[in-house]
Amino acid sequence: MVIYAGSWLPFVNSKTAEFYFLRFTFAIVCALCEVQLFKAIGKAMSPRIANLFMLIMATSAGMFHAAISYLPSSFAIYTVLMAAASFMDWTLGIQTAKGLFWLSVGAVLGWPFVGALAIPYLAEEAVMWHFTEDLEGLSARLFQAACGAFVVLLMTALVDYYFYHKVVIYSFQLVWYNVFGGSGKGPNIFGTEPWHYYIRNLLINFNLWFVLACAVAPLVLFQRNVMGEASSRLPFFRTMITISPFYLWLAIFTLQPHKEERFMYPVYPFLALNAALAFHIIINIIDAAIPSSSTPSKNDNHVRIVGSAKPTTPSWLSSISPTTVLRVLKPASIAAFLLLTTTINLSRSLGLATAYSAPLSIYTSLPPVNSSSSTSTSLSSQPALCLGKEWYRFPSSYHLPPSYRPAFIPSDFHGLLPGAFSEAENFGFFPGAWLVPSGMNDENREDLGKLTREEHCDWLVESWFAGEVGSEKQPDRMSGSGVEAGKWDKVRCERFLDQGKTGVLGRLFWMPEAEWVPKSWRRQWGEYCLLRRKV
């Protein structure tokens, strides 16, 4: 729908333009949803917390790539933002039904595990019912939420039935496979990670903001029980409910052996909110520690040497009290912290864009199909673009000119490769949606039918890194000493970060390429190339 609407615009005149228009639309939708939560935080908690929340969301490296990804977990971010805004803003009454509706949209249309974020708010409803005994109000809100979820589920099932030609409940199937898949199935067959994977990942994507997000609960308790103050306009119980989804989500997915960065996407808004609240509390603690009265205390007396009538410091310096120094240091420290976190985040985002953007650019050098079809070595008249070890970095068919089709050649990867949608005709409306490609399975077993021979490839995408050792299925096709260097010509090459040769700082952040930068910090580069078979 989005791409079809964009096709009417004059500047969306190619498949690549459609790709970026889709991402641009995602960014606009995400920004609009962020504004809704920003306004809710300002009303319910504090304008300062709202401003900090927006700063974190706008500058974090995590949101830089999560907000515009074409993934169910990215779509879930938008609905989580709307749900959090509904749960927080009770200006027009308790909005539990509206919040649960948005979570149901995220669970049914996006990622079903988002439904777990409803647990704290259902617990809040249970506590309110215990104290108010308003069973009628509770039942009405839950009934409205259930009706909204049912309508979304029904409409989705009808649309899916039209395209798939059978009853399919996507969210149910996804949960069933990942939770109850059984032996030889489920997410673990795609790899597992240690328990600290998300901690490391979130430190990279949010740096010090992640630390503050984890520390918010102790800070809220400290401000309430030690300082005797509220952390925001929200009551204490509602504040604890508001900060709990982040902890809940992090705990659930840390316990799962199979971990992926995208699994944290839906909780990014709560991470930003928790971090903003934590920083707000720290500022309040600093304010409480600085005397507000202008009357000098006994500690503010000028220091003199015993028996001396003259001050030991210049008169202008001796007139500055410790309280004055603290009042000056406070805004400077806050500004320094914000500048530091923002710089780290922007450096991470810039580092990602400059280090790994080659797969988005090399395909522009593919010629129109007419200029290469006459020399095609593929089994069809269409030129064959092949991918071996670089199959998983293929951005999408949006980057290929019309009539090009990606193909896979053998590599050291032995799992299930993507299958091509059927292009059969005379099978009704969008047959590729319901005609299942051959060789598909749910056990990640290799399907040799998805592979083609290298002799049938007209074009090949390949990478080269210094010190990388080739293998029988992944020979060196690019360097002068490569065993297959004589078969291919380099059409276009772009720099691609050599992770094996680059140090930790160079992998994590953008580094200037200057002589004054220590060699161990500099980024080392390999090549990411589009190759053409020699005639």
Protein backbone atom coordinates (compact mmCIF):
# COMPACT_ATOMS: atom_id res chain seq x y z
CA MET A 1 0.00 0.00 0.00
CA VAL A 2 2.75 2.45 0.95
CA ILE A 3 4.79 1.67 -2.14
CA TYR A 4 1.72 1.88 -4.37
CA ALA A 5 0.91 5.32 -2.97
CA GLY A 6 4.51 6.42 -3.42
CA SER A 7 4.54 5.29 -7.04
CA TRP A 8 2.31 8.28 -7.87
CA LEU A 9 5.04 10.66 -6.73
CA PRO A 10 7.43 11.89 -9.45
CA PHE A 11 10.60 11.17 -7.46
CA VAL A 12 9.62 7.55 -6.68
CA ASN A 13 10.55 6.37 -10.16
CA SER A 14 12.62 3.22 -9.53
CA LYS A 15 12.70 0.17 -7.30
CA THR A 16 15.50 1.67 -5.24
CA ALA A 17 13.49 4.88 -4.79
CA GLU A 18 10.57 2.74 -3.59
CA PHE A 19 12.88 1.13 -1.02
CA TYR A 20 13.94 4.46 0.44
CA PHE A 21 10.43 5.91 0.25
CA LEU A 22 9.21 3.00 2.35
CA ARG A 23 11.91 3.66 4.94
CA PHE A 24 11.13 7.37 4.90
CA THR A 25 7.48 6.55 5.60
CA PHE A 26 8.48 4.34 8.52
CA ALA A 27 10.57 7.18 9.96
CA ILE A 28 7.64 9.64 9.72
CA VAL A 29 5.20 7.19 11.34
CA CYS A 30 7.66 6.46 14.16
CA ALA A 31 8.25 10.17 14.76
CA LEU A 32 4.51 10.85 14.96
CA CYS A 33 4.09 8.02 17.49
CA GLU A 34 7.02 9.36 19.52
CA VAL A 35 5.31 12.75 19.69
CA GLN A 36 2.22 11.12 21.23
CA LEU A 37 4.24 9.56 24.03
CA PHE A 38 6.27 12.76 24.42
CA LYS A 39 3.06 14.73 25.05
CA ALA A 40 1.74 12.08 27.47
CA ILE A 41 4.97 12.12 29.47
CA GLY A 42 4.88 15.91 29.67
CA LYS A 43 1.32 15.87 31.00
CA ALA A 44 1.55 12.92 33.38
CA MET A 45 5.14 13.09 34.62
CA SER A 46 7.20 16.19 33.85
CA PRO A 47 8.18 18.36 30.85
CA ARG A 48 11.82 17.76 31.71
CA ILE A 49 11.35 13.97 31.54
CA ALA A 50 9.53 14.38 28.22
CA ASN A 51 12.37 16.45 26.76
CA LEU A 52 14.97 13.94 27.91
CA PHE A 53 12.90 11.09 26.46
CA MET A 54 12.76 12.76 23.07
CA LEU A 55 16.49 13.51 23.14
CA ILE A 56 17.29 9.84 23.80
CA MET A 57 14.91 8.59 21.11
CA ALA A 58 16.17 11.07 18.53
CA THR A 59 19.89 10.47 19.04
CA SER A 60 20.28 6.84 20.12
CA ALA A 61 22.06 4.47 17.77
CA GLY A 62 19.46 1.80 18.54
CA MET A 63 16.55 3.84 17.20
CA PHE A 64 18.71 4.95 14.25
CA HIS A 65 18.30 1.56 12.61
CA ALA A 66 15.32 0.06 14.48
CA ALA A 67 12.80 2.77 13.58
CA ILE A 68 13.04 2.27 9.82
CA SER A 69 13.67 -1.47 9.54
CA TYR A 70 11.14 -3.50 7.60
CA LEU A 71 10.61 -5.93 10.49
CA PRO A 72 7.64 -6.99 12.66
CA SER A 73 9.57 -5.90 15.75
CA SER A 74 10.06 -2.43 14.23
CA PHE A 75 6.33 -2.12 13.54
CA ALA A 76 5.81 -3.12 17.16
CA ILE A 77 7.77 -0.04 18.25
CA TYR A 78 5.09 2.22 16.79
CA THR A 79 2.24 0.42 18.56
CA VAL A 80 4.17 0.25 21.83
CA LEU A 81 4.66 4.03 21.69
CA MET A 82 0.92 4.54 21.22
CA ALA A 83 0.10 2.01 23.94
CA ALA A 84 2.47 3.61 26.45
CA ALA A 85 0.96 7.03 25.73
CA SER A 86 -2.53 5.64 26.36
CA PHE A 87 -1.59 3.88 29.58
CA MET A 88 0.12 6.99 30.93
CA ASP A 89 -2.31 9.80 30.08
CA TRP A 90 -5.50 9.50 32.14
CA THR A 91 -6.67 13.04 31.39
CA LEU A 92 -9.90 11.68 29.90
CA GLY A 93 -10.15 8.74 32.29
CA ILE A 94 -8.50 5.35 32.62
CA GLN A 95 -7.22 4.36 29.16
CA THR A 96 -6.37 0.69 29.75
CA ALA A 97 -8.68 -0.46 26.96
CA LYS A 98 -7.05 1.88 24.46
CA GLY A 99 -3.55 0.83 25.53
CA LEU A 100 -4.39 -2.88 25.28
CA PHE A 101 -5.89 -2.27 21.85
CA TRP A 102 -2.62 -0.79 20.58
CA LEU A 103 -0.68 -3.71 22.03
CA SER A 104 -3.06 -6.13 20.31
CA VAL A 105 -2.42 -4.34 17.00
CA GLY A 106 1.31 -4.76 17.57
CA ALA A 107 0.89 -8.40 18.55
CA VAL A 108 -1.43 -9.40 15.68
CA LEU A 109 0.02 -7.32 12.84
CA GLY A 110 3.58 -7.15 14.09
CA TRP A 111 5.16 -9.42 16.66
CA PRO A 112 2.95 -11.50 18.98
CA PHE A 113 5.37 -11.45 21.91
CA VAL A 114 4.59 -7.75 22.35
CA GLY A 115 1.52 -8.95 24.25
CA ALA A 116 3.79 -9.64 27.23
CA LEU A 117 4.07 -5.89 27.78
CA ALA A 118 0.42 -5.88 28.85
CA ILE A 119 1.21 -7.83 32.04
CA PRO A 120 2.15 -4.80 34.23
CA TYR A 121 -0.96 -2.89 33.16
CA LEU A 122 -3.23 -5.86 33.79
CA ALA A 123 -1.64 -6.13 37.22
CA GLU A 124 -2.39 -2.43 37.75
CA GLU A 125 -6.04 -3.07 36.89
CA ALA A 126 -6.15 -5.97 39.36
CA VAL A 127 -4.74 -3.81 42.17
CA MET A 128 -7.17 -0.98 41.41
CA TRP A 129 -10.08 -3.42 41.47
CA HIS A 130 -8.88 -4.78 44.82
CA PHE A 131 -8.96 -1.34 46.41
CA THR A 132 -11.94 0.18 44.59
CA GLU A 133 -14.03 -2.98 44.05
CA ASP A 134 -15.14 -1.41 40.78
CA LEU A 135 -15.80 -4.67 38.99
CA GLU A 136 -18.10 -3.00 36.50
CA GLY A 137 -15.44 -0.53 35.35
CA LEU A 138 -12.79 -3.26 35.16
CA SER A 139 -15.06 -5.55 33.14
CA ALA A 140 -15.98 -2.76 30.74
CA ARG A 141 -12.36 -1.86 30.03
CA LEU A 142 -11.28 -5.47 29.53
CA PHE A 143 -14.31 -6.17 27.34
CA GLN A 144 -13.53 -3.16 25.14
CA ALA A 145 -9.92 -4.29 24.83
CA ALA A 146 -10.97 -7.85 23.95
CA CYS A 147 -13.42 -6.61 21.32
CA GLY A 148 -10.75 -4.42 19.74
CA ALA A 149 -8.25 -7.30 19.68
CA PHE A 150 -10.86 -9.65 18.18
CA VAL A 151 -11.71 -7.20 15.40
CA VAL A 152 -8.03 -6.78 14.52
CA LEU A 153 -7.51 -10.55 14.57
CA LEU A 154 -10.60 -11.21 12.46
CA MET A 155 -9.71 -8.63 9.82
CA THR A 156 -6.16 -9.95 9.64
CA ALA A 157 -7.39 -13.54 9.28
CA LEU A 158 -9.75 -12.56 6.45
CA VAL A 159 -7.02 -10.73 4.55
CA ASP A 160 -4.61 -13.64 5.08
CA TYR A 161 -7.24 -16.12 3.89
CA TYR A 162 -7.69 -14.11 0.69
CA PHE A 163 -3.97 -14.18 -0.07
CA TYR A 164 -2.99 -17.59 1.37
CA HIS A 165 -6.14 -19.49 0.33
CA LYS A 166 -6.39 -21.04 3.81
CA VAL A 167 -7.04 -20.02 7.39
CA VAL A 168 -3.82 -18.65 8.84
CA ILE A 169 -3.41 -16.98 12.22
CA TYR A 170 0.13 -15.70 11.93
CA SER A 171 0.59 -14.67 15.56
CA PHE A 172 -0.60 -18.04 16.85
CA GLN A 173 1.66 -19.97 14.48
CA LEU A 174 4.71 -17.89 15.41
CA VAL A 175 4.18 -18.43 19.13
CA TRP A 176 3.44 -22.12 18.65
CA TYR A 177 6.62 -22.74 16.65
CA ASN A 178 8.93 -20.73 18.90
CA VAL A 179 7.51 -21.94 22.22
CA PHE A 180 6.08 -25.39 21.46
CA GLY A 181 8.05 -26.34 18.33
CA GLY A 182 9.49 -29.51 19.83
CA SER A 183 12.78 -31.29 19.22
CA GLY A 184 14.74 -30.14 16.19
CA LYS A 185 12.60 -27.04 15.77
CA GLY A 186 12.15 -23.69 17.44
CA PRO A 187 14.45 -20.68 17.59
CA ASN A 188 17.48 -22.42 19.11
CA ILE A 189 18.33 -24.19 15.85
CA PHE A 190 19.31 -20.77 14.47
CA GLY A 191 21.97 -20.24 17.16
CA THR A 192 22.23 -19.28 20.82
CA GLU A 193 23.99 -16.51 22.72
CA PRO A 194 25.24 -16.08 26.34
CA TRP A 195 23.06 -14.43 28.98
CA HIS A 196 24.93 -11.10 28.76
CA TYR A 197 24.30 -10.66 25.01
CA TYR A 198 21.56 -8.03 25.45
CA ILE A 199 23.51 -6.16 28.10
CA ARG A 200 26.42 -5.75 25.70
CA ASN A 201 24.13 -4.94 22.81
CA LEU A 202 22.15 -2.29 24.67
CA LEU A 203 25.33 -0.71 26.00
CA ILE A 204 26.47 -0.32 22.40
CA ASN A 205 23.15 1.08 21.18
CA PHE A 206 22.29 3.32 24.17
CA ASN A 207 25.58 3.51 26.16
CA LEU A 208 25.08 5.39 29.47
CA TRP A 209 21.33 5.72 28.94
CA PHE A 210 21.03 1.94 29.29
CA VAL A 211 22.85 2.10 32.63
CA LEU A 212 20.40 4.75 33.84
CA ALA A 213 17.42 2.73 32.57
CA CYS A 214 18.56 -0.21 34.71
CA ALA A 215 19.10 2.04 37.73
CA VAL A 216 15.72 3.80 37.65
CA ALA A 217 13.93 1.51 40.13
CA PRO A 218 16.49 2.00 42.94
CA LEU A 219 16.50 5.73 42.23
CA VAL A 220 12.70 5.96 42.47
CA LEU A 221 12.76 4.07 45.78
CA PHE A 222 15.59 6.25 47.10
CA GLN A 223 13.82 9.49 46.27
CA ARG A 224 10.58 8.32 47.87
CA ASN A 225 11.87 6.55 51.00
CA VAL A 226 15.04 8.51 51.79
CA MET A 227 14.30 11.96 50.45
CA GLY A 228 10.54 11.77 50.98
CA GLU A 229 9.80 13.19 47.53
CA ALA A 230 7.89 12.01 44.48
CA SER A 231 9.90 11.26 41.35
CA SER A 232 7.22 12.80 39.10
CA ARG A 233 3.58 13.81 39.06
CA LEU A 234 2.58 10.17 38.78
CA PRO A 235 1.75 8.40 42.05
CA PHE A 236 4.42 6.03 43.31
CA PHE A 237 2.51 2.88 42.36
CA ARG A 238 1.82 4.10 38.83
CA THR A 239 5.47 5.12 38.48
CA MET A 240 6.57 1.57 39.34
CA ILE A 241 4.09 0.17 36.82
CA THR A 242 5.41 2.56 34.18
CA ILE A 243 9.05 1.52 34.59
CA SER A 244 8.38 -2.23 34.92
CA PRO A 245 7.84 -3.21 31.23
CA PHE A 246 11.52 -2.63 30.45
CA TYR A 247 12.67 -4.90 33.29
CA LEU A 248 10.08 -7.54 32.41
CA TRP A 249 11.02 -7.64 28.72
CA LEU A 250 14.77 -7.72 29.42
CA ALA A 251 14.32 -10.59 31.90
CA ILE A 252 12.12 -12.66 29.57
CA PHE A 253 14.42 -12.44 26.58
CA THR A 254 17.63 -12.79 28.57
CA LEU A 255 16.36 -16.19 29.71
CA GLN A 256 15.88 -17.31 26.08
CA PRO A 257 18.95 -19.05 24.61
CA HIS A 258 18.30 -17.71 21.10
CA LYS A 259 18.94 -13.97 21.06
CA GLU A 260 18.86 -11.35 18.34
CA GLU A 261 19.29 -7.59 18.46
CA ARG A 262 15.86 -6.99 16.90
CA PHE A 263 14.15 -8.75 19.80
CA MET A 264 14.85 -5.67 21.93
CA TYR A 265 13.29 -3.22 19.47
CA PRO A 266 9.78 -3.10 21.02
CA VAL A 267 11.09 -2.07 24.42
CA TYR A 268 13.33 0.77 23.19
CA PRO A 269 10.68 3.41 24.09
CA PHE A 270 10.50 2.10 27.66
CA LEU A 271 14.29 2.08 27.90
CA ALA A 272 14.35 5.73 26.86
CA LEU A 273 11.56 6.60 29.30
CA ASN A 274 13.28 4.84 32.20
CA ALA A 275 16.60 6.52 31.42
CA ALA A 276 14.95 9.94 31.21
CA LEU A 277 13.21 9.42 34.56
CA ALA A 278 16.46 8.24 36.17
CA PHE A 279 18.37 11.29 34.96
CA HIS A 280 15.53 13.53 36.15
CA ILE A 281 15.78 12.01 39.63
CA ILE A 282 19.55 12.45 39.70
CA ILE A 283 19.11 16.13 38.89
CA ASN A 284 16.58 16.39 41.73
CA ILE A 285 19.04 14.74 44.13
CA ILE A 286 21.74 17.21 43.11
CA ASP A 287 19.32 20.09 43.61
CA ALA A 288 18.50 18.84 47.11
CA ALA A 289 22.19 18.63 47.97
CA ILE A 290 22.85 22.27 47.03
CA PRO A 291 21.66 24.77 49.67
CA SER A 292 18.97 27.02 48.23
CA SER A 293 19.46 29.86 50.74
CA SER A 294 21.82 32.71 49.88
CA THR A 295 22.81 33.07 53.57
CA PRO A 296 26.43 31.95 54.00
CA SER A 297 26.89 28.87 56.13
CA LYS A 298 29.73 28.27 58.53
CA ASN A 299 31.46 26.29 55.81
CA ASP A 300 31.32 29.28 53.49
CA ASN A 301 33.59 31.47 55.68
CA HIS A 302 36.76 32.64 54.02
CA VAL A 303 39.81 30.62 54.99
CA ARG A 304 42.54 32.61 56.72
CA ILE A 305 45.91 31.70 58.20
CA VAL A 306 45.84 31.93 61.98
CA GLY A 307 47.33 35.21 63.12
CA SER A 308 47.22 36.74 59.67
CA ALA A 309 45.05 39.73 58.87
CA LYS A 310 45.22 39.13 55.14
CA PRO A 311 43.31 36.50 53.17
CA THR A 312 45.36 33.64 51.72
CA THR A 313 43.65 33.97 48.30
CA PRO A 314 42.82 36.92 46.05
CA SER A 315 39.78 38.86 47.17
CA TRP A 316 37.74 37.99 44.07
CA LEU A 317 38.40 34.28 44.58
CA SER A 318 37.81 34.29 48.31
CA SER A 319 34.33 35.71 47.77
CA ILE A 320 33.23 32.56 45.91
CA SER A 321 31.51 30.14 48.25
CA PRO A 322 31.31 26.33 47.77
CA THR A 323 27.56 26.69 47.18
CA THR A 324 28.21 29.05 44.30
CA VAL A 325 30.70 26.60 42.82
CA LEU A 326 28.17 23.77 43.04
CA ARG A 327 25.51 25.89 41.37
CA VAL A 328 27.88 26.59 38.50
CA LEU A 329 29.06 23.00 38.20
CA LYS A 330 25.54 21.56 38.11
CA PRO A 331 24.44 22.86 34.67
CA ALA A 332 27.94 22.34 33.32
CA SER A 333 27.93 18.70 34.47
CA ILE A 334 24.46 18.09 33.03
CA ALA A 335 25.45 19.64 29.71
CA ALA A 336 28.68 17.61 29.64
CA PHE A 337 26.79 14.37 30.27
CA LEU A 338 24.23 15.09 27.56
CA LEU A 339 26.96 16.09 25.14
CA LEU A 340 28.93 12.92 25.93
CA THR A 341 26.00 10.52 25.46
CA THR A 342 24.82 12.27 22.31
CA THR A 343 28.32 12.25 20.82
CA ILE A 344 28.77 8.54 21.57
CA ASN A 345 25.39 7.72 20.02
CA LEU A 346 25.99 9.80 16.90
CA SER A 347 29.46 8.34 16.53
CA ARG A 348 27.96 4.84 16.67
CA SER A 349 25.33 5.70 14.06
CA LEU A 350 27.90 7.33 11.77
CA GLY A 351 30.19 4.36 12.24
CA LEU A 352 27.46 1.94 11.13
CA ALA A 353 26.56 4.03 8.09
CA THR A 354 30.15 4.40 6.89
CA ALA A 355 31.36 0.89 7.70
CA TYR A 356 28.57 -1.29 6.34
CA SER A 357 26.80 0.67 3.58
CA ALA A 358 28.50 -1.04 0.63
CA PRO A 359 25.67 -3.60 0.05
CA LEU A 360 23.28 -0.68 -0.50
CA SER A 361 25.37 0.95 -3.21
CA ILE A 362 27.16 -1.57 -5.41
CA TYR A 363 24.01 -2.79 -7.16
CA THR A 364 23.53 0.58 -8.84
CA SER A 365 26.31 -0.42 -11.25
CA LEU A 366 24.24 -3.24 -12.76
CA PRO A 367 23.42 -2.33 -16.39
CA PRO A 368 19.95 -2.52 -17.94
CA VAL A 369 19.01 -6.04 -18.89
CA ASN A 370 19.33 -5.47 -22.66
CA SER A 371 23.02 -4.66 -22.40
CA SER A 372 23.91 -7.97 -20.76
CA SER A 373 21.32 -10.49 -21.92
CA SER A 374 23.18 -11.25 -25.12
CA THR A 375 26.15 -12.59 -23.15
CA SER A 376 24.15 -14.25 -20.40
CA THR A 377 25.45 -17.63 -19.28
CA SER A 378 22.41 -18.41 -17.16
CA LEU A 379 19.82 -21.01 -18.07
CA SER A 380 17.32 -18.26 -18.92
CA SER A 381 17.47 -15.03 -20.85
CA GLN A 382 17.55 -13.10 -17.60
CA PRO A 383 21.00 -12.23 -16.24
CA ALA A 384 21.85 -14.18 -13.12
CA LEU A 385 23.18 -12.26 -10.14
CA CYS A 386 24.73 -14.74 -7.73
CA LEU A 387 25.51 -14.59 -4.05
CA GLY A 388 27.67 -17.05 -2.15
CA LYS A 389 28.98 -16.29 1.31
CA GLU A 390 27.41 -12.82 1.08
CA TRP A 391 23.82 -14.10 0.74
CA TYR A 392 22.78 -12.78 4.17
CA ARG A 393 23.85 -9.21 3.37
CA PHE A 394 21.68 -8.98 0.26
CA PRO A 395 19.55 -5.89 1.01
CA SER A 396 16.49 -6.79 -1.10
CA SER A 397 15.35 -7.14 -4.70
CA TYR A 398 14.42 -3.44 -4.58
CA HIS A 399 18.10 -2.76 -5.34
CA LEU A 400 18.12 -4.80 -8.54
CA PRO A 401 17.15 -3.44 -11.96
CA PRO A 402 14.05 -4.98 -13.59
CA SER A 403 14.44 -8.57 -14.84
CA TYR A 404 17.41 -9.36 -12.60
CA ARG A 405 16.94 -12.30 -10.25
CA PRO A 406 19.20 -13.24 -7.33
CA ALA A 407 20.58 -16.77 -7.23
CA PHE A 408 22.69 -18.65 -4.69
CA ILE A 409 25.87 -20.63 -5.24
CA PRO A 410 27.37 -23.10 -2.75
CA SER A 411 29.16 -21.67 0.29
CA ASP A 412 30.16 -22.84 3.75
CA PHE A 413 26.64 -22.05 4.98
CA HIS A 414 24.55 -25.22 5.20
CA GLY A 415 21.23 -23.94 6.51
CA LEU A 416 18.03 -23.16 4.62
CA LEU A 417 18.44 -20.34 2.11
CA PRO A 418 15.56 -18.00 1.17
CA GLY A 419 13.14 -19.31 -1.42
CA ALA A 420 11.94 -17.35 -4.43
CA PHE A 421 8.26 -16.44 -4.64
CA SER A 422 6.43 -18.27 -7.38
CA GLU A 423 5.90 -16.27 -10.59
CA ALA A 424 3.49 -18.76 -12.12
CA GLU A 425 0.59 -17.31 -14.12
CA ASN A 426 -3.06 -18.33 -14.38
CA PHE A 427 -3.26 -19.11 -10.66
CA GLY A 428 -5.42 -16.20 -9.59
CA PHE A 429 -4.55 -13.06 -7.67
CA PHE A 430 -0.95 -12.91 -6.34
CA PRO A 431 -0.15 -16.63 -6.67
CA GLY A 432 3.28 -16.04 -5.17
CA ALA A 433 1.59 -15.43 -1.82
CA TRP A 434 0.11 -18.92 -1.51
CA LEU A 435 2.17 -21.17 -3.77
CA VAL A 436 4.84 -22.45 -1.37
CA PRO A 437 8.36 -22.63 -2.88
CA SER A 438 9.77 -26.13 -3.06
CA GLY A 439 12.21 -27.32 -0.43
CA MET A 440 10.91 -25.16 2.41
CA ASN A 441 11.06 -26.67 5.91
CA ASP A 442 10.91 -25.59 9.54
CA GLU A 443 14.10 -27.33 10.69
CA ASN A 444 16.67 -25.13 8.92
CA ARG A 445 17.73 -28.07 6.74
CA GLU A 446 19.71 -27.23 3.63
CA ASP A 447 17.82 -27.45 0.34
CA LEU A 448 20.24 -28.08 -2.51
CA GLY A 449 17.51 -27.20 -4.98
CA LYS A 450 17.97 -23.53 -4.08
CA LEU A 451 21.56 -23.55 -5.33
CA THR A 452 22.82 -22.87 -8.83
CA ARG A 453 26.18 -23.62 -10.40
CA GLU A 454 28.72 -20.82 -10.59
CA GLU A 455 29.07 -21.37 -14.34
CA HIS A 456 25.53 -20.04 -14.76
CA CYS A 457 26.31 -16.73 -13.03
CA ASP A 458 26.77 -13.54 -15.03
CA TRP A 459 27.33 -11.37 -11.98
CA LEU A 460 28.64 -12.15 -8.52
CA VAL A 461 28.72 -10.23 -5.24
CA GLU A 462 31.83 -11.01 -3.26
CA SER A 463 33.88 -9.65 -0.37
CA TRP A 464 37.57 -9.72 0.42
CA PHE A 465 39.35 -9.18 3.74
CA ALA A 466 43.06 -9.35 4.42
CA GLY A 467 44.06 -12.56 6.12
CA GLU A 468 40.80 -14.31 5.34
CA VAL A 469 41.43 -17.93 4.40
CA GLY A 470 39.37 -19.33 1.55
CA SER A 471 37.88 -22.79 1.31
CA GLU A 472 36.77 -25.18 -1.41
CA LYS A 473 33.30 -23.61 -1.57
CA GLN A 474 34.47 -20.10 -0.77
CA PRO A 475 37.64 -19.63 -2.85
CA ASP A 476 39.46 -16.33 -3.18
CA ARG A 477 37.88 -14.80 -6.29
CA MET A 478 39.20 -11.27 -5.99
CA SER A 479 42.85 -10.93 -5.02
CA GLY A 480 45.69 -11.40 -7.48
CA SER A 481 46.70 -14.66 -5.84
CA GLY A 482 43.16 -15.97 -5.82
CA VAL A 483 42.60 -19.33 -7.47
CA GLU A 484 39.66 -17.91 -9.40
CA ALA A 485 40.92 -14.37 -9.98
CA GLY A 486 41.05 -14.94 -13.69
CA LYS A 487 37.33 -15.64 -14.07
CA TRP A 488 35.89 -12.33 -12.88
CA ASP A 489 36.31 -8.61 -13.47
CA LYS A 490 35.73 -6.05 -10.76
CA VAL A 491 32.95 -3.70 -11.86
CA ARG A 492 32.57 -1.74 -8.66
CA CYS A 493 34.09 -2.08 -5.20
CA GLU A 494 33.29 -0.22 -2.00
CA ARG A 495 35.03 -0.22 1.34
CA PHE A 496 33.67 -2.58 3.96
CA LEU A 497 34.87 -2.76 7.55
CA ASP A 498 37.32 -5.60 8.22
CA GLN A 499 36.16 -6.65 11.67
CA GLY A 500 38.95 -9.16 12.08
CA LYS A 501 41.65 -6.50 11.70
CA THR A 502 39.87 -3.58 13.41
CA GLY A 503 40.11 -2.97 17.15
CA VAL A 504 37.16 -2.71 19.52
CA LEU A 505 36.82 1.08 19.37
CA GLY A 506 37.01 1.09 15.59
CA ARG A 507 34.28 -1.54 15.37
CA LEU A 508 32.00 0.24 17.80
CA PHE A 509 32.35 3.88 16.76
CA TRP A 510 33.29 6.14 13.90
CA MET A 511 36.97 7.01 13.93
CA PRO A 512 38.60 9.79 11.90
CA GLU A 513 41.20 8.56 9.43
CA ALA A 514 44.06 10.76 10.55
CA GLU A 515 47.66 10.13 11.49
CA TRP A 516 47.16 11.35 15.04
CA VAL A 517 44.65 8.55 15.72
CA PRO A 518 46.46 5.57 17.34
CA LYS A 519 46.85 2.69 14.91
CA SER A 520 45.04 0.30 17.24
CA TRP A 521 41.98 2.59 17.11
CA ARG A 522 41.86 3.01 13.34
CA ARG A 523 39.40 1.13 11.21
CA GLN A 524 40.79 -1.39 8.74
CA TRP A 525 39.04 -2.00 5.45
CA GLY A 526 38.24 -4.82 3.10
CA GLU A 527 36.43 -4.76 -0.23
CA TYR A 528 32.82 -5.45 -1.11
CA CYS A 529 32.55 -5.87 -4.87
CA LEU A 530 30.26 -6.47 -7.78
CA LEU A 531 32.00 -8.85 -10.19
CA ARG A 532 31.22 -9.61 -13.82
CA ARG A 533 32.18 -12.84 -15.53
CA LYS A 534 34.90 -12.41 -18.11
CA VAL A 535 33.72 -13.10 -21.64
